[in-house]
Amino acid sequence: MKTKLLLILLLITATATFTQAQQLNVGTYNIRYDSKDDSIAGNGWKARYPNIAKIVRFNELDVFGTQEGLYHQLTQLNDSLPGYKWLGAGRDDGKHGGEHSAIFYRADKFKVLKSGNFWMAEVTDKPNKGWDAALPRICSWAQFKELKTGLVFNFFNLHMDHIGVIARRESAKLIMAKIKAMAGNTPTIVTGDFNVDQTNESYTLMNTSGLLRDSYELSPIKLAPSNTYNGYDVNTAGDKRIDHIFVTKRFKVTRYGILTNTYHGRLPSDHYPVVVTVKY
């Protein structure tokens, strides 16, 4: 009887441990490019990025997308994140030039099976502006394998144009077409600064596609005290979410949060990070 009871307890413990391992902490964070005007106003990158790194580490993010980061910002942030690596390319030249839509990940937890970049434009394989966009816009992607469980999933990270209405609409269509062509039925996460809130057409195209759903809507637990854009104003209020995390059906979202952390009364970026926990 004692032996049987012990076996049951061991089975329960092993099952609980395995279940706990079957989750990911995912984020999206527009970290704001390194601006001289920000430095003059007291929001310089050198003061901000150590606090961004602390937020990432405290929340134990497994994989997250960043927007606006220049190459030197991404390398400095990565140096403050032991155990992480990043991938992506600059939107201006496909190398190090201009802002990136980078993907950071825990190198001890994931293996990169393949990765790449494409521009959100009529021509996707070289730097250019699409439709009515004001700037070139790039999407970086990777296919990861979780070493412990063998889970294979795709991760797309982007920054949509802030001006072009047509560009945002067509970019939404392009992202979904790329997922269907590149990812197939593989579980997929899409993060980014979409430059539109949850009432906009391009958001709705993705959220009602049957392919992707907004993690905010799926999560039973929400911590969303503010807009995701704050403009460095700690008194920002509202419910406009322009930074989103979309997932395909394989992922079950259990928690969603907009993190409004400050340091010495200042904000680490002009956007708040959005983080979610997903199970699979």
Protein backbone atom coordinates (compact mmCIF):
# COMPACT_ATOMS: atom_id res chain seq x y z
CA MET A 1 0.00 0.00 0.00
CA LYS A 2 2.81 2.39 0.94
CA THR A 3 4.66 1.57 -2.28
CA LYS A 4 1.54 2.22 -4.36
CA LEU A 5 0.93 5.55 -2.58
CA LEU A 6 4.55 6.58 -3.16
CA LEU A 7 4.28 5.80 -6.87
CA ILE A 8 1.11 7.90 -7.12
CA LEU A 9 2.78 10.84 -5.37
CA LEU A 10 5.81 10.59 -7.66
CA LEU A 11 3.53 10.51 -10.70
CA ILE A 12 1.62 13.57 -9.50
CA THR A 13 4.88 15.45 -8.83
CA ALA A 14 6.31 14.54 -12.23
CA THR A 15 3.09 15.55 -13.98
CA ALA A 16 2.99 18.91 -12.16
CA THR A 17 6.62 19.59 -13.02
CA PHE A 18 6.08 18.74 -16.67
CA THR A 19 2.95 20.88 -16.83
CA GLN A 20 4.82 23.81 -15.32
CA ALA A 21 7.52 23.45 -17.98
CA GLN A 22 4.92 23.65 -20.74
CA GLN A 23 4.59 27.39 -20.72
CA LEU A 24 6.36 30.41 -22.16
CA ASN A 25 6.66 33.99 -20.95
CA VAL A 26 6.42 36.17 -24.04
CA GLY A 27 6.75 39.92 -24.49
CA THR A 28 6.74 42.83 -26.89
CA TYR A 29 8.53 46.08 -26.09
CA ASN A 30 9.07 49.22 -28.16
CA ILE A 31 12.30 50.31 -26.48
CA ARG A 32 12.45 53.72 -28.22
CA TYR A 33 15.40 54.59 -30.44
CA ASP A 34 18.43 56.36 -28.98
CA SER A 35 17.44 60.04 -29.31
CA LYS A 36 19.50 63.10 -28.40
CA ASP A 37 16.28 64.95 -27.57
CA ASP A 38 15.40 62.21 -25.07
CA SER A 39 18.79 62.63 -23.41
CA ILE A 40 18.28 66.37 -23.07
CA ALA A 41 14.89 65.71 -21.47
CA GLY A 42 16.39 63.25 -19.01
CA ASN A 43 15.26 60.09 -20.80
CA GLY A 44 18.54 59.06 -22.37
CA TRP A 45 19.19 55.53 -23.52
CA LYS A 46 22.12 55.01 -21.13
CA ALA A 47 19.81 55.54 -18.18
CA ARG A 48 16.94 53.58 -19.66
CA TYR A 49 18.36 50.30 -20.89
CA PRO A 50 19.59 48.90 -17.56
CA ASN A 51 16.02 49.24 -16.32
CA ILE A 52 14.61 47.59 -19.44
CA ALA A 53 16.97 44.68 -18.77
CA LYS A 54 15.78 44.46 -15.16
CA ILE A 55 12.15 44.26 -16.30
CA VAL A 56 13.02 41.44 -18.71
CA ARG A 57 14.96 39.48 -16.13
CA PHE A 58 12.49 39.99 -13.28
CA ASN A 59 9.60 38.77 -15.46
CA GLU A 60 11.70 35.86 -16.75
CA LEU A 61 10.80 36.46 -20.37
CA ASP A 62 11.65 33.48 -22.53
CA VAL A 63 11.29 35.23 -25.87
CA PHE A 64 10.30 38.78 -26.74
CA GLY A 65 10.22 41.20 -29.64
CA THR A 66 11.58 44.74 -29.54
CA GLN A 67 10.90 47.64 -31.86
CA GLU A 68 12.89 50.77 -32.79
CA GLY A 69 16.17 49.47 -31.38
CA LEU A 70 19.31 50.54 -33.24
CA TYR A 71 22.19 48.08 -33.50
CA HIS A 72 24.20 49.59 -30.65
CA GLN A 73 21.12 49.61 -28.42
CA LEU A 74 20.45 45.95 -29.06
CA THR A 75 24.03 44.94 -28.34
CA GLN A 76 24.10 46.99 -25.14
CA LEU A 77 20.77 45.56 -24.00
CA ASN A 78 21.96 42.04 -24.80
CA ASP A 79 25.12 42.61 -22.74
CA SER A 80 22.82 43.34 -19.79
CA LEU A 81 20.88 40.12 -20.34
CA PRO A 82 23.13 37.16 -19.51
CA GLY A 83 21.92 34.01 -21.22
CA TYR A 84 20.02 35.80 -23.98
CA LYS A 85 20.78 36.18 -27.67
CA TRP A 86 19.04 38.24 -30.32
CA LEU A 87 18.45 38.18 -34.04
CA GLY A 88 17.15 40.61 -36.64
CA ALA A 89 18.26 43.15 -39.22
CA GLY A 90 18.13 46.89 -39.73
CA ARG A 91 15.28 48.11 -41.89
CA ASP A 92 17.47 50.52 -43.86
CA ASP A 93 19.91 48.02 -45.36
CA GLY A 94 19.04 44.54 -44.10
CA LYS A 95 22.22 44.54 -41.98
CA HIS A 96 22.90 46.97 -39.13
CA GLY A 97 21.43 50.15 -40.57
CA GLY A 98 18.38 51.76 -39.03
CA GLU A 99 15.79 50.52 -36.59
CA HIS A 100 15.34 46.80 -35.99
CA SER A 101 12.38 44.59 -35.13
CA ALA A 102 14.62 42.31 -33.11
CA ILE A 103 13.82 39.04 -31.36
CA PHE A 104 15.50 38.21 -28.05
CA TYR A 105 15.45 34.65 -26.71
CA ARG A 106 16.94 32.50 -23.98
CA ALA A 107 19.83 30.67 -25.57
CA ASP A 108 19.79 27.92 -22.93
CA LYS A 109 16.15 27.15 -23.65
CA PHE A 110 15.78 27.40 -27.43
CA LYS A 111 17.55 26.39 -30.58
CA VAL A 112 17.02 28.56 -33.66
CA LEU A 113 16.05 26.24 -36.51
CA LYS A 114 15.82 29.04 -39.09
CA SER A 115 15.28 32.77 -39.23
CA GLY A 116 15.00 35.69 -41.61
CA ASN A 117 13.55 39.08 -42.40
CA PHE A 118 11.15 40.58 -44.92
CA TRP A 119 9.93 44.07 -45.65
CA MET A 120 6.29 44.95 -45.34
CA ALA A 121 5.93 46.20 -48.89
CA GLU A 122 5.02 45.08 -52.39
CA VAL A 123 8.63 43.88 -52.73
CA THR A 124 9.47 41.95 -49.58
CA ASP A 125 13.08 40.83 -50.05
CA LYS A 126 14.92 44.16 -50.05
CA PRO A 127 14.75 47.49 -48.18
CA ASN A 128 11.92 49.64 -49.49
CA LYS A 129 8.78 51.50 -48.48
CA GLY A 130 5.48 49.78 -49.12
CA TRP A 131 2.24 51.31 -50.34
CA ASP A 132 1.70 54.69 -48.60
CA ALA A 133 4.19 54.07 -45.77
CA ALA A 134 6.37 56.94 -44.58
CA LEU A 135 9.30 54.64 -43.78
CA PRO A 136 10.65 51.19 -44.64
CA ARG A 137 9.13 48.62 -42.31
CA ILE A 138 10.71 45.26 -41.56
CA CYS A 139 9.45 42.05 -39.97
CA SER A 140 11.96 39.64 -38.43
CA TRP A 141 11.04 36.02 -37.79
CA ALA A 142 12.48 32.84 -36.36
CA GLN A 143 11.53 29.23 -35.89
CA PHE A 144 12.52 27.95 -32.46
CA LYS A 145 12.77 24.51 -30.92
CA GLU A 146 12.41 24.32 -27.17
CA LEU A 147 15.20 22.03 -26.04
CA LYS A 148 13.41 20.50 -23.08
CA THR A 149 10.04 19.66 -24.65
CA GLY A 150 10.81 19.57 -28.37
CA LEU A 151 8.14 22.19 -29.08
CA VAL A 152 8.69 23.89 -32.44
CA PHE A 153 7.08 27.30 -32.89
CA ASN A 154 7.41 30.39 -35.05
CA PHE A 155 7.86 33.94 -33.84
CA PHE A 156 7.25 37.05 -35.97
CA ASN A 157 8.06 40.55 -34.73
CA LEU A 158 7.20 43.79 -36.53
CA HIS A 159 6.69 47.54 -36.38
CA MET A 160 3.93 48.83 -38.67
CA ASP A 161 4.00 52.26 -40.25
CA HIS A 162 2.72 55.21 -38.23
CA ILE A 163 1.32 57.09 -41.26
CA GLY A 164 0.25 54.73 -44.03
CA VAL A 165 -3.31 53.47 -43.61
CA ILE A 166 -3.06 51.33 -46.72
CA ALA A 167 0.38 50.13 -45.63
CA ARG A 168 -0.94 48.92 -42.30
CA ARG A 169 -3.89 47.14 -43.89
CA GLU A 170 -1.74 45.46 -46.53
CA SER A 171 0.94 44.64 -43.98
CA ALA A 172 -1.64 42.79 -41.89
CA LYS A 173 -2.62 40.76 -44.93
CA LEU A 174 1.03 40.14 -45.78
CA ILE A 175 1.87 38.89 -42.29
CA MET A 176 -0.96 36.37 -42.39
CA ALA A 177 0.02 35.21 -45.88
CA LYS A 178 3.61 34.74 -44.74
CA ILE A 179 2.50 32.73 -41.71
CA LYS A 180 0.41 30.44 -43.89
CA ALA A 181 3.23 29.99 -46.40
CA MET A 182 6.16 29.73 -43.98
CA ALA A 183 4.68 28.32 -40.79
CA GLY A 184 1.81 26.16 -41.97
CA ASN A 185 0.25 24.51 -38.93
CA THR A 186 3.26 25.20 -36.69
CA PRO A 187 2.25 27.19 -33.57
CA THR A 188 2.98 30.88 -34.13
CA ILE A 189 3.31 34.07 -32.10
CA VAL A 190 3.23 37.57 -33.60
CA THR A 191 4.43 40.54 -31.57
CA GLY A 192 4.85 44.18 -32.43
CA ASP A 193 4.05 47.84 -32.33
CA PHE A 194 1.12 47.98 -34.73
CA ASN A 195 0.64 51.75 -34.38
CA VAL A 196 -3.13 51.22 -34.13
CA ASP A 197 -5.38 50.23 -31.27
CA GLN A 198 -7.91 47.46 -30.96
CA THR A 199 -10.62 49.40 -32.82
CA ASN A 200 -8.66 49.74 -36.07
CA GLU A 201 -9.20 47.94 -39.37
CA SER A 202 -5.73 46.36 -39.62
CA TYR A 203 -6.01 45.00 -36.08
CA THR A 204 -9.45 43.58 -36.84
CA LEU A 205 -8.19 41.92 -40.01
CA MET A 206 -5.78 39.87 -37.95
CA ASN A 207 -7.93 39.29 -34.90
CA THR A 208 -10.93 38.01 -36.87
CA SER A 209 -8.92 36.06 -39.45
CA GLY A 210 -9.42 32.67 -37.83
CA LEU A 211 -5.61 32.36 -37.86
CA LEU A 212 -4.58 34.72 -35.06
CA ARG A 213 -6.19 36.08 -31.91
CA ASP A 214 -5.19 38.93 -29.64
CA SER A 215 -3.78 37.54 -26.40
CA TYR A 216 -5.58 40.28 -24.45
CA GLU A 217 -8.94 38.88 -25.49
CA LEU A 218 -7.91 35.30 -24.79
CA SER A 219 -6.46 35.85 -21.33
CA PRO A 220 -8.65 35.17 -18.27
CA ILE A 221 -6.30 37.30 -16.14
CA LYS A 222 -5.54 40.86 -17.30
CA LEU A 223 -3.43 43.64 -15.84
CA ALA A 224 -4.01 46.52 -18.24
CA PRO A 225 -4.03 49.81 -16.33
CA SER A 226 -3.01 52.09 -19.18
CA ASN A 227 -2.54 52.70 -22.87
CA THR A 228 0.53 50.84 -24.13
CA TYR A 229 1.98 54.13 -25.45
CA ASN A 230 2.88 56.57 -22.69
CA GLY A 231 5.02 59.30 -24.29
CA TYR A 232 7.22 59.27 -21.16
CA ASP A 233 4.23 60.49 -19.15
CA VAL A 234 3.67 58.45 -16.00
CA ASN A 235 0.15 59.87 -15.71
CA THR A 236 -0.99 58.30 -18.97
CA ALA A 237 -4.46 56.79 -18.68
CA GLY A 238 -6.72 54.98 -21.08
CA ASP A 239 -7.23 51.61 -22.73
CA LYS A 240 -5.71 52.09 -26.19
CA ARG A 241 -3.45 49.15 -26.94
CA ILE A 242 -1.19 49.69 -29.95
CA ASP A 243 1.38 47.05 -28.92
CA HIS A 244 -0.05 43.59 -29.41
CA ILE A 245 0.74 39.90 -29.03
CA PHE A 246 -1.22 37.59 -31.33
CA VAL A 247 -1.15 33.79 -31.11
CA THR A 248 -2.45 30.85 -33.09
CA LYS A 249 -4.79 28.25 -31.63
CA ARG A 250 -2.14 25.94 -30.20
CA PHE A 251 -1.30 28.44 -27.45
CA LYS A 252 -3.53 29.00 -24.44
CA VAL A 253 -3.02 32.48 -22.95
CA THR A 254 -3.23 32.42 -19.15
CA ARG A 255 -1.98 35.91 -18.19
CA TYR A 256 -1.74 39.31 -19.90
CA GLY A 257 -0.05 42.39 -18.52
CA ILE A 258 0.92 45.94 -19.47
CA LEU A 259 3.86 46.68 -17.17
CA THR A 260 4.00 50.28 -15.96
CA ASN A 261 7.27 50.09 -14.01
CA THR A 262 9.21 53.30 -13.40
CA TYR A 263 12.70 54.14 -12.12
CA HIS A 264 13.21 57.27 -10.01
CA GLY A 265 9.89 58.53 -11.33
CA ARG A 266 10.88 58.04 -14.98
CA LEU A 267 9.83 55.51 -17.61
CA PRO A 268 12.26 53.17 -19.39
CA SER A 269 10.59 53.86 -22.77
CA ASP A 270 7.77 55.84 -24.34
CA HIS A 271 5.89 52.53 -24.61
CA TYR A 272 5.06 50.06 -21.87
CA PRO A 273 6.05 46.43 -22.41
CA VAL A 274 3.28 43.92 -22.91
CA VAL A 275 3.86 40.44 -21.49
CA VAL A 276 1.82 37.26 -21.61
CA THR A 277 2.12 33.72 -20.34
CA VAL A 278 1.07 31.02 -22.77
CA LYS A 279 0.67 27.29 -22.23
CA TYR A 280 0.80 24.61 -24.87
